[in-house]
Amino acid sequence: MIKPHSYTIALDSRGKHYSSEALSKKLNEWQEMGKTINILIGGPEGYTEETLKKSDMQWSLSYLTFAHPIVRIILAEQLYRAHSILKNHPYHRE
């Protein structure tokens, strides 16, 4: 269940694409909002129009379609990389 007054991001191939550096800036913005962040992973049929309208933004990890378990791994890695960039950790290499 999505809590009221939270920020909801729908992972969708039609959403915005980010480089690692741009994602780190976006992650910083999300953290500064002080809201609960919900990241939705769509099912095999995608989202209903109602769900997309209720989301605050759509983010695309790729133009490709991935299975749920793969998306979770990709999402975790990209968020970790973005966090590492924010903290000047050497995980991310340019």
Protein backbone atom coordinates (compact mmCIF):
# COMPACT_ATOMS: atom_id res chain seq x y z
CA MET A 1 0.00 0.00 0.00
CA ILE A 2 1.29 3.43 -0.91
CA LYS A 3 1.13 5.87 1.97
CA PRO A 4 -0.42 9.30 1.40
CA HIS A 5 2.07 12.15 0.98
CA SER A 6 4.82 9.78 -0.17
CA TYR A 7 6.73 10.10 -3.44
CA THR A 8 6.02 7.34 -5.95
CA ILE A 9 8.29 6.35 -8.82
CA ALA A 10 7.01 3.88 -11.41
CA LEU A 11 9.73 1.96 -13.22
CA ASP A 12 8.60 2.04 -16.83
CA SER A 13 10.46 1.74 -20.15
CA ARG A 14 8.76 4.97 -21.30
CA GLY A 15 10.08 6.88 -18.29
CA LYS A 16 13.08 9.19 -17.93
CA HIS A 17 16.56 7.76 -18.45
CA TYR A 18 19.43 8.82 -16.19
CA SER A 19 23.19 8.52 -16.34
CA SER A 20 24.81 7.39 -13.09
CA GLU A 21 25.82 10.96 -12.29
CA ALA A 22 22.36 12.36 -13.07
CA LEU A 23 20.76 9.62 -10.96
CA SER A 24 23.00 10.54 -8.02
CA LYS A 25 21.71 14.14 -8.22
CA LYS A 26 18.14 12.87 -8.47
CA LEU A 27 18.70 10.56 -5.48
CA ASN A 28 19.91 13.55 -3.50
CA GLU A 29 16.73 15.46 -4.45
CA TRP A 30 14.57 12.51 -3.38
CA GLN A 31 16.38 12.28 -0.04
CA GLU A 32 15.99 16.01 0.60
CA MET A 33 12.21 15.80 0.10
CA GLY A 34 11.90 14.06 3.44
CA LYS A 35 9.15 11.79 2.13
CA THR A 36 8.80 8.04 1.96
CA ILE A 37 9.94 6.92 -1.50
CA ASN A 38 8.00 4.15 -3.24
CA ILE A 39 9.53 2.51 -6.30
CA LEU A 40 7.05 0.39 -8.25
CA ILE A 41 8.04 -2.50 -10.49
CA GLY A 42 5.33 -3.21 -13.04
CA GLY A 43 3.89 -6.61 -13.77
CA PRO A 44 3.99 -8.47 -17.09
CA GLU A 45 1.21 -6.25 -18.46
CA GLY A 46 2.73 -3.03 -17.17
CA TYR A 47 0.73 -0.46 -15.21
CA THR A 48 -2.82 0.73 -15.43
CA GLU A 49 -3.27 4.33 -16.54
CA GLU A 50 -4.59 5.04 -13.04
CA THR A 51 -1.35 3.82 -11.46
CA LEU A 52 0.77 5.90 -13.82
CA LYS A 53 -1.35 8.97 -13.09
CA LYS A 54 -0.93 8.42 -9.34
CA SER A 55 2.86 8.11 -9.63
CA ASP A 56 4.93 11.25 -9.26
CA MET A 57 7.35 10.23 -11.98
CA GLN A 58 8.31 7.40 -14.31
CA TRP A 59 11.90 6.18 -14.43
CA SER A 60 13.31 3.86 -17.06
CA LEU A 61 16.18 1.55 -16.20
CA SER A 62 16.37 0.46 -19.85
CA TYR A 63 14.40 0.23 -23.06
CA LEU A 64 14.59 -3.53 -22.52
CA THR A 65 12.14 -5.60 -20.49
CA PHE A 66 13.48 -7.57 -17.52
CA ALA A 67 12.02 -10.15 -15.14
CA HIS A 68 11.17 -8.91 -11.62
CA PRO A 69 14.18 -10.55 -9.91
CA ILE A 70 16.56 -8.95 -12.43
CA VAL A 71 14.94 -5.52 -11.99
CA ARG A 72 15.46 -5.72 -8.24
CA ILE A 73 19.16 -6.41 -8.72
CA ILE A 74 19.59 -3.65 -11.33
CA LEU A 75 17.67 -1.19 -9.17
CA ALA A 76 19.70 -2.01 -6.07
CA GLU A 77 22.98 -1.68 -7.97
CA GLN A 78 22.02 1.64 -9.56
CA LEU A 79 20.86 3.11 -6.25
CA TYR A 80 24.07 1.90 -4.59
CA ARG A 81 26.14 3.45 -7.40
CA ALA A 82 24.24 6.76 -7.12
CA HIS A 83 24.73 6.78 -3.34
CA SER A 84 28.44 6.01 -3.80
CA ILE A 85 28.80 8.97 -6.16
CA LEU A 86 27.13 11.26 -3.60
CA LYS A 87 29.53 10.06 -0.90
CA ASN A 88 32.61 10.27 -3.19
CA HIS A 89 33.16 6.55 -2.72
CA PRO A 90 35.47 4.98 -5.35
CA TYR A 91 32.88 2.30 -6.32
CA HIS A 92 31.86 4.36 -9.36
CA ARG A 93 34.59 4.85 -11.93
CA GLU A 94 34.45 7.45 -14.66
